[in-house]
Amino acid sequence: MVVSRTVSDVLDRHQKVRSILSRISYGKFLFWRLKVKAGNSPEELTTSKICMVNPETIEYCLSGKLPRHQYQTGHVPVLSGDWDLLDKRIEDLVENSTSNREDFQNANADSNGGQITVAIGRFGDFLLTDGLNILLKAKRLQVQQIPALISARHSQWQELRKEVYTLALEKRLYQPTTHPDLDMIAEHSCEDRFNMIRDNLSVKRGSSSARVLDIGANHGYFCQKFEELGFKCYAVENGLINLHYLRRFKRASNKKFEVVPEGIFKWKGVKELQFDVVLALNIFHHFLKRKKPYSQLIDLLNGLQVKEMFFEPHLPGEYQMKNAYKNYTEKEFVEFVLQNSKLKRAKPIGAANDGRTLYKLF
């Protein structure tokens, strides 16, 4: 115990050491990415696939022809090149064509719907290749999801899919993604927690002025989901590897939330902004492990301007909390947050799949 705390104290006094260790870890990550890139794509990443896609996320058509390739039955071709440039908007196509305007008004009026075909660009954009009438009708009727057959993928997008697939296999994909073509199984589903939070929100949904702060945003799942509800979101994350995927997944889903690439204690915005919702999901216990971040957590809570917080405490028996500076029980931890913040009441709203209780503090 003494040795462990001594090492932690030394690291606290030598931030350069922490920075160097972080860079070494990131260097290992880059080497891992090279190995994944050099390997062959698993069979399940190349076979034909139909995704369920929100029609509103399809904004572009394929502007030209796909590069020549050898067709393999049952497989989706992976193609390099600039065929995925975003220069042919569906909206412009409809506005500039009389026939297409008519399609928009009466697209497949006597049909029960159908399947569209899309190619996926290097950043994850869906490019329509077939089924304009079906897509236009779905947009007009505000259908939430339609089936889309993938006809091609850009090679850079396929590289990301290989990485995410490998992370999932190695049980290092902590959060799921919201992109339909990155539907690998994550360590935590997150959907159960999001649904509980959404169902217990006091803040009016869809208000663009309402702010959500996600402390320790990881890969950005909750910011993506809250943005879809209409909130302005801030994703605070300082892990270099997490930041890499946070930004990639944000772009893949064309989200606009703000990425804050530093620790919550260093970000000036946390003292300057008022937040309607703060998400502290499985994060605050990391600040209990040593004296300095424990004191910083108290300062953070004292100055936090927030209407409600959704707080997920750790389980005190977890091995990671061995030799921690403080290790509260669930109820003690909730009381600690209430005593050091402007929040006055707490209500348990359910338990996540891993057994941890989720609380609403308000």
Protein backbone atom coordinates (compact mmCIF):
# COMPACT_ATOMS: atom_id res chain seq x y z
CA MET A 1 0.00 0.00 0.00
CA VAL A 2 2.77 2.42 0.94
CA VAL A 3 4.69 1.70 -2.26
CA SER A 4 1.55 2.16 -4.40
CA ARG A 5 0.75 5.53 -2.85
CA THR A 6 4.37 6.65 -3.07
CA VAL A 7 4.44 5.95 -6.82
CA SER A 8 1.16 7.83 -7.27
CA ASP A 9 2.45 10.81 -5.30
CA VAL A 10 5.62 10.90 -7.39
CA LEU A 11 3.57 10.84 -10.58
CA ASP A 12 1.35 13.63 -9.26
CA ARG A 13 4.43 15.78 -8.71
CA HIS A 14 5.88 14.96 -12.10
CA GLN A 15 3.29 15.62 -14.77
CA LYS A 16 5.97 15.23 -17.43
CA VAL A 17 6.33 11.59 -16.41
CA ARG A 18 2.58 11.11 -16.82
CA SER A 19 2.73 12.78 -20.21
CA ILE A 20 5.59 10.53 -21.33
CA LEU A 21 3.76 7.40 -20.18
CA SER A 22 0.66 8.57 -22.03
CA ARG A 23 2.68 9.07 -25.21
CA ILE A 24 4.21 5.62 -24.87
CA SER A 25 0.74 4.13 -24.52
CA TYR A 26 -0.40 6.03 -27.61
CA GLY A 27 2.66 4.84 -29.51
CA LYS A 28 1.73 1.25 -28.71
CA PHE A 29 -1.78 2.01 -29.96
CA LEU A 30 -0.43 3.32 -33.28
CA PHE A 31 1.62 0.15 -33.68
CA TRP A 32 -1.50 -1.91 -32.93
CA ARG A 33 -3.37 0.00 -35.65
CA LEU A 34 -0.64 -0.80 -38.18
CA LYS A 35 -0.91 -4.50 -37.33
CA VAL A 36 -4.69 -4.42 -37.76
CA LYS A 37 -4.36 -2.56 -41.06
CA ALA A 38 -1.87 -5.10 -42.38
CA GLY A 39 -4.13 -8.04 -41.55
CA ASN A 40 -6.87 -9.44 -43.73
CA SER A 41 -10.47 -8.43 -43.16
CA PRO A 42 -12.47 -11.13 -41.35
CA GLU A 43 -15.16 -12.78 -43.44
CA GLU A 44 -17.98 -11.10 -41.52
CA LEU A 45 -16.62 -7.67 -42.45
CA THR A 46 -16.77 -8.33 -46.18
CA THR A 47 -20.04 -10.19 -46.72
CA SER A 48 -23.12 -8.45 -48.11
CA LYS A 49 -25.06 -6.50 -45.53
CA ILE A 50 -28.29 -4.60 -45.12
CA CYS A 51 -28.31 -1.75 -42.60
CA MET A 52 -31.29 -0.02 -41.05
CA VAL A 53 -30.63 3.66 -41.74
CA ASN A 54 -32.37 6.91 -40.82
CA PRO A 55 -33.29 8.49 -44.20
CA GLU A 56 -32.37 11.95 -42.90
CA THR A 57 -28.74 10.87 -42.54
CA ILE A 58 -28.51 10.23 -46.30
CA GLU A 59 -27.75 13.63 -47.82
CA TYR A 60 -25.67 12.79 -50.89
CA CYS A 61 -25.82 10.71 -54.05
CA LEU A 62 -22.84 9.04 -55.62
CA SER A 63 -21.53 11.71 -57.99
CA GLY A 64 -20.03 9.38 -60.56
CA LYS A 65 -19.38 5.72 -61.17
CA LEU A 66 -17.65 3.43 -58.74
CA PRO A 67 -14.11 2.35 -59.77
CA ARG A 68 -13.90 -0.86 -61.73
CA HIS A 69 -13.65 -3.88 -59.52
CA GLN A 70 -14.00 -7.61 -59.66
CA TYR A 71 -17.43 -8.55 -58.38
CA GLN A 72 -17.57 -11.37 -55.84
CA THR A 73 -20.98 -12.82 -55.08
CA GLY A 74 -22.12 -12.13 -51.56
CA HIS A 75 -19.33 -9.68 -50.78
CA VAL A 76 -19.11 -5.88 -50.61
CA PRO A 77 -16.21 -4.44 -52.63
CA VAL A 78 -13.67 -2.26 -50.81
CA LEU A 79 -12.50 0.53 -53.10
CA SER A 80 -9.92 3.30 -52.82
CA GLY A 81 -9.93 6.60 -54.71
CA ASP A 82 -11.99 9.79 -54.65
CA TRP A 83 -15.31 8.35 -55.74
CA ASP A 84 -16.81 9.29 -52.35
CA LEU A 85 -16.50 13.07 -52.66
CA LEU A 86 -19.54 14.86 -51.24
CA ASP A 87 -20.48 17.04 -54.21
CA LYS A 88 -23.96 15.85 -55.24
CA ARG A 89 -26.59 16.67 -52.65
CA ILE A 90 -29.96 14.94 -52.87
CA GLU A 91 -31.67 18.17 -51.84
CA ASP A 92 -30.11 20.04 -54.78
CA LEU A 93 -30.99 17.21 -57.10
CA VAL A 94 -34.65 17.49 -56.12
CA GLU A 95 -34.78 21.29 -56.28
CA ASN A 96 -33.14 21.49 -59.69
CA SER A 97 -35.27 18.89 -61.45
CA THR A 98 -38.99 19.17 -62.19
CA SER A 99 -39.33 15.41 -62.45
CA ASN A 100 -37.57 14.93 -59.14
CA ARG A 101 -39.81 17.50 -57.45
CA GLU A 102 -42.76 15.46 -58.64
CA ASP A 103 -41.06 12.36 -57.28
CA PHE A 104 -40.68 14.09 -53.93
CA GLN A 105 -44.38 14.87 -53.80
CA ASN A 106 -45.60 11.45 -54.96
CA ALA A 107 -42.64 9.09 -54.53
CA ASN A 108 -43.93 5.50 -54.90
CA ALA A 109 -47.36 6.59 -53.73
CA ASP A 110 -48.82 3.14 -54.42
CA SER A 111 -45.93 1.23 -52.89
CA ASN A 112 -45.38 -0.14 -49.42
CA GLY A 113 -41.75 0.92 -49.52
CA GLY A 114 -38.64 -1.01 -50.42
CA GLN A 115 -34.91 -1.13 -50.22
CA ILE A 116 -32.37 1.47 -51.24
CA THR A 117 -28.73 0.91 -52.15
CA VAL A 118 -25.84 2.94 -50.73
CA ALA A 119 -22.06 3.14 -50.86
CA ILE A 120 -20.16 4.22 -47.76
CA GLY A 121 -17.46 6.87 -48.06
CA ARG A 122 -14.17 7.17 -46.20
CA PHE A 123 -15.67 9.03 -43.26
CA GLY A 124 -18.82 6.94 -42.99
CA ASP A 125 -21.18 8.99 -45.17
CA PHE A 126 -23.98 7.09 -46.92
CA LEU A 127 -24.00 7.85 -50.66
CA LEU A 128 -27.21 6.86 -52.44
CA THR A 129 -26.59 4.69 -55.49
CA ASP A 130 -30.13 3.43 -56.16
CA GLY A 131 -33.66 3.95 -54.84
CA LEU A 132 -34.16 7.72 -54.98
CA ASN A 133 -37.97 7.48 -55.02
CA ILE A 134 -38.01 5.21 -51.99
CA LEU A 135 -35.67 7.51 -50.09
CA LEU A 136 -37.67 10.63 -50.95
CA LYS A 137 -40.91 9.04 -49.82
CA ALA A 138 -39.31 7.94 -46.57
CA LYS A 139 -38.06 11.49 -45.96
CA ARG A 140 -41.46 12.96 -46.75
CA LEU A 141 -43.22 10.57 -44.38
CA GLN A 142 -40.51 11.06 -41.72
CA VAL A 143 -39.86 7.33 -41.51
CA GLN A 144 -37.24 6.68 -38.84
CA GLN A 145 -35.48 3.73 -40.48
CA ILE A 146 -35.36 2.05 -43.87
CA PRO A 147 -33.31 -0.92 -45.12
CA ALA A 148 -30.21 -0.03 -47.13
CA LEU A 149 -28.09 -2.54 -49.05
CA ILE A 150 -24.39 -1.63 -49.00
CA SER A 151 -22.93 -1.76 -52.51
CA ALA A 152 -19.36 -0.59 -51.76
CA ARG A 153 -17.13 0.71 -48.97
CA HIS A 154 -14.20 3.07 -49.15
CA SER A 155 -10.93 1.42 -48.13
CA GLN A 156 -10.34 3.98 -45.35
CA TRP A 157 -13.76 3.26 -43.88
CA GLN A 158 -13.06 -0.46 -44.00
CA GLU A 159 -9.85 0.12 -42.03
CA LEU A 160 -11.87 1.77 -39.26
CA ARG A 161 -14.32 -1.14 -39.29
CA LYS A 162 -11.42 -3.57 -38.86
CA GLU A 163 -10.13 -1.59 -35.89
CA VAL A 164 -13.52 -1.45 -34.18
CA TYR A 165 -14.09 -5.15 -34.87
CA THR A 166 -10.72 -6.00 -33.30
CA LEU A 167 -11.37 -3.76 -30.30
CA ALA A 168 -14.65 -5.59 -29.74
CA LEU A 169 -12.93 -8.99 -29.98
CA GLU A 170 -10.33 -7.87 -27.45
CA LYS A 171 -13.11 -6.52 -25.17
CA ARG A 172 -11.67 -3.00 -25.39
CA LEU A 173 -14.66 -1.37 -27.08
CA TYR A 174 -16.18 0.23 -24.00
CA GLN A 175 -19.11 1.99 -25.68
CA PRO A 176 -21.15 1.08 -28.77
CA THR A 177 -21.26 3.36 -31.80
CA THR A 178 -24.40 4.79 -33.36
CA HIS A 179 -23.30 4.27 -36.98
CA PRO A 180 -25.28 1.36 -38.51
CA ASP A 181 -22.16 -0.07 -40.21
CA LEU A 182 -20.20 -0.16 -36.93
CA ASP A 183 -22.57 -2.43 -35.08
CA MET A 184 -19.94 -4.43 -33.19
CA ILE A 185 -20.74 -5.58 -29.66
CA ALA A 186 -19.29 -3.25 -27.02
CA GLU A 187 -18.32 -4.10 -23.46
CA HIS A 188 -21.18 -1.94 -22.14
CA SER A 189 -24.38 -1.63 -24.14
CA CYS A 190 -25.08 1.91 -22.74
CA GLU A 191 -28.56 1.77 -24.23
CA ASP A 192 -30.10 0.76 -20.90
CA ARG A 193 -28.52 3.73 -19.13
CA PHE A 194 -29.44 6.17 -21.88
CA ASN A 195 -33.07 5.05 -21.82
CA MET A 196 -33.25 5.47 -18.04
CA ILE A 197 -31.75 8.96 -18.25
CA ARG A 198 -33.98 10.01 -21.14
CA ASP A 199 -37.09 8.83 -19.31
CA ASN A 200 -36.14 10.80 -16.18
CA LEU A 201 -35.10 14.10 -17.76
CA SER A 202 -36.65 17.22 -16.26
CA VAL A 203 -35.26 19.47 -18.97
CA LYS A 204 -37.44 19.98 -22.01
CA ARG A 205 -36.17 17.93 -24.91
CA GLY A 206 -35.35 19.49 -28.23
CA SER A 207 -34.22 22.79 -26.78
CA SER A 208 -31.08 23.83 -28.66
CA SER A 209 -30.11 26.09 -25.76
CA ALA A 210 -30.12 23.23 -23.25
CA ARG A 211 -26.59 22.07 -22.44
CA VAL A 212 -25.40 18.57 -21.58
CA LEU A 213 -21.94 17.94 -20.12
CA ASP A 214 -20.55 14.40 -20.36
CA ILE A 215 -17.54 14.00 -18.05
CA GLY A 216 -15.28 11.23 -19.31
CA ALA A 217 -17.15 10.90 -22.61
CA ASN A 218 -15.11 7.92 -23.83
CA HIS A 219 -16.22 7.36 -27.46
CA GLY A 220 -19.09 9.86 -27.32
CA TYR A 221 -22.12 7.56 -27.28
CA PHE A 222 -24.16 9.70 -24.87
CA CYS A 223 -23.35 12.98 -26.62
CA GLN A 224 -24.47 11.46 -29.91
CA LYS A 225 -27.74 10.28 -28.39
CA PHE A 226 -28.44 13.55 -26.57
CA GLU A 227 -27.70 15.56 -29.70
CA GLU A 228 -30.34 13.51 -31.48
CA LEU A 229 -32.76 14.72 -28.79
CA GLY A 230 -31.85 18.31 -29.63
CA PHE A 231 -29.35 19.17 -26.88
CA LYS A 232 -26.06 21.06 -27.21
CA CYS A 233 -23.45 18.66 -25.87
CA TYR A 234 -19.92 18.89 -24.52
CA ALA A 235 -17.79 15.73 -24.52
CA VAL A 236 -14.90 16.00 -22.05
CA GLU A 237 -12.23 13.38 -22.68
CA ASN A 238 -8.45 13.50 -22.25
CA GLY A 239 -7.42 9.95 -23.12
CA LEU A 240 -5.53 10.07 -26.43
CA ILE A 241 -6.88 6.75 -27.66
CA ASN A 242 -10.44 7.55 -26.61
CA LEU A 243 -10.15 10.95 -28.31
CA HIS A 244 -9.09 9.30 -31.55
CA TYR A 245 -12.27 7.22 -31.74
CA LEU A 246 -14.47 9.92 -30.22
CA ARG A 247 -13.61 12.20 -33.13
CA ARG A 248 -13.89 9.45 -35.75
CA PHE A 249 -17.31 8.34 -34.51
CA LYS A 250 -18.51 11.94 -34.25
CA ARG A 251 -17.61 12.52 -37.91
CA ALA A 252 -19.02 9.16 -39.00
CA SER A 253 -22.41 10.11 -37.60
CA ASN A 254 -22.14 13.78 -38.69
CA LYS A 255 -22.69 15.10 -35.18
CA LYS A 256 -21.86 18.64 -34.01
CA PHE A 257 -21.20 18.28 -30.27
CA GLU A 258 -18.12 19.98 -28.88
CA VAL A 259 -15.12 17.81 -28.06
CA VAL A 260 -13.12 19.05 -25.05
CA PRO A 261 -9.71 17.32 -25.33
CA GLU A 262 -8.53 17.80 -21.75
CA GLY A 263 -9.29 16.75 -18.21
CA ILE A 264 -12.38 18.18 -16.54
CA PHE A 265 -10.27 19.92 -13.87
CA LYS A 266 -8.33 21.85 -16.52
CA TRP A 267 -11.24 22.92 -18.72
CA LYS A 268 -12.14 26.56 -18.05
CA GLY A 269 -15.58 26.14 -19.61
CA VAL A 270 -16.78 24.02 -16.71
CA LYS A 271 -16.72 27.13 -14.48
CA GLU A 272 -17.99 29.54 -17.11
CA LEU A 273 -21.02 27.67 -18.48
CA GLN A 274 -24.34 26.67 -16.96
CA PHE A 275 -25.45 23.12 -17.68
CA ASP A 276 -28.92 21.70 -17.68
CA VAL A 277 -27.66 18.12 -17.41
CA VAL A 278 -24.35 16.68 -16.26
CA LEU A 279 -23.52 13.04 -16.92
CA ALA A 280 -21.13 11.53 -14.36
CA LEU A 281 -21.37 7.90 -15.36
CA ASN A 282 -18.81 5.56 -13.85
CA ILE A 283 -16.20 8.34 -13.68
CA PHE A 284 -16.03 10.10 -10.29
CA HIS A 285 -14.54 7.09 -8.48
CA HIS A 286 -11.34 7.55 -10.49
CA PHE A 287 -10.86 10.82 -8.61
CA LEU A 288 -11.07 9.05 -5.25
CA LYS A 289 -7.92 7.03 -5.79
CA ARG A 290 -5.47 9.78 -4.78
CA LYS A 291 -5.60 12.82 -2.55
CA LYS A 292 -4.99 15.50 -5.18
CA PRO A 293 -7.80 14.56 -7.62
CA TYR A 294 -10.07 13.97 -4.62
CA SER A 295 -9.58 17.61 -3.59
CA GLN A 296 -10.02 18.71 -7.21
CA LEU A 297 -13.32 16.81 -7.38
CA ILE A 298 -14.60 18.72 -4.35
CA ASP A 299 -13.64 22.02 -5.99
CA LEU A 300 -15.34 20.95 -9.22
CA LEU A 301 -18.58 20.04 -7.48
CA ASN A 302 -18.60 23.26 -5.47
CA GLY A 303 -18.39 25.40 -8.60
CA LEU A 304 -20.57 23.31 -10.93
CA GLN A 305 -23.63 25.17 -12.23
CA VAL A 306 -26.09 22.41 -13.06
CA LYS A 307 -29.83 21.75 -12.78
CA GLU A 308 -29.60 17.96 -12.61
CA MET A 309 -26.93 15.30 -12.65
CA PHE A 310 -27.13 11.64 -13.58
CA PHE A 311 -24.59 9.90 -11.39
CA GLU A 312 -23.39 6.30 -11.58
CA PRO A 313 -21.17 5.32 -8.65
CA HIS A 314 -18.77 2.41 -8.64
CA LEU A 315 -19.14 -0.78 -6.62
CA PRO A 316 -16.84 -0.34 -3.60
CA GLY A 317 -15.64 -3.94 -3.73
CA GLU A 318 -14.05 -3.52 -7.16
CA TYR A 319 -10.35 -4.41 -7.31
CA GLN A 320 -9.46 -1.07 -8.91
CA MET A 321 -10.36 0.68 -5.65
CA LYS A 322 -7.87 -1.29 -3.59
CA ASN A 323 -5.61 1.17 -1.72
CA ALA A 324 -7.70 4.15 -2.92
CA TYR A 325 -7.44 7.37 -0.92
CA LYS A 326 -11.24 7.21 -0.39
CA ASN A 327 -13.66 4.41 -1.17
CA TYR A 328 -17.29 5.25 -0.50
CA THR A 329 -20.27 2.97 -0.48
CA GLU A 330 -22.99 3.83 -3.00
CA LYS A 331 -25.04 5.85 -0.51
CA GLU A 332 -21.95 7.54 0.95
CA PHE A 333 -20.81 8.57 -2.51
CA VAL A 334 -24.22 10.04 -3.39
CA GLU A 335 -24.23 11.95 -0.11
CA PHE A 336 -20.69 13.19 -0.80
CA VAL A 337 -21.78 14.65 -4.15
CA LEU A 338 -24.85 16.30 -2.62
CA GLN A 339 -22.87 17.83 0.25
CA ASN A 340 -20.28 19.35 -2.07
CA SER A 341 -22.59 20.61 -4.83
CA LYS A 342 -25.67 22.78 -5.25
CA LEU A 343 -27.80 19.68 -5.76
CA LYS A 344 -30.08 18.80 -2.85
CA ARG A 345 -31.92 15.56 -3.57
CA ALA A 346 -31.18 12.13 -5.00
CA LYS A 347 -33.40 9.48 -6.54
CA PRO A 348 -32.33 6.03 -7.80
CA ILE A 349 -33.75 5.52 -11.29
CA GLY A 350 -32.61 1.97 -12.01
CA ALA A 351 -29.66 -0.36 -12.33
CA ALA A 352 -27.42 -0.84 -15.35
CA ASN A 353 -26.62 -4.28 -16.75
CA ASP A 354 -23.40 -4.41 -14.71
CA GLY A 355 -25.32 -4.00 -11.45
CA ARG A 356 -24.40 -0.38 -10.75
CA THR A 357 -27.26 1.89 -9.66
CA LEU A 358 -27.99 5.07 -11.59
CA TYR A 359 -29.06 8.13 -9.60
CA LYS A 360 -30.71 11.37 -10.54
CA LEU A 361 -29.44 14.26 -8.40
CA PHE A 362 -31.41 17.50 -8.53
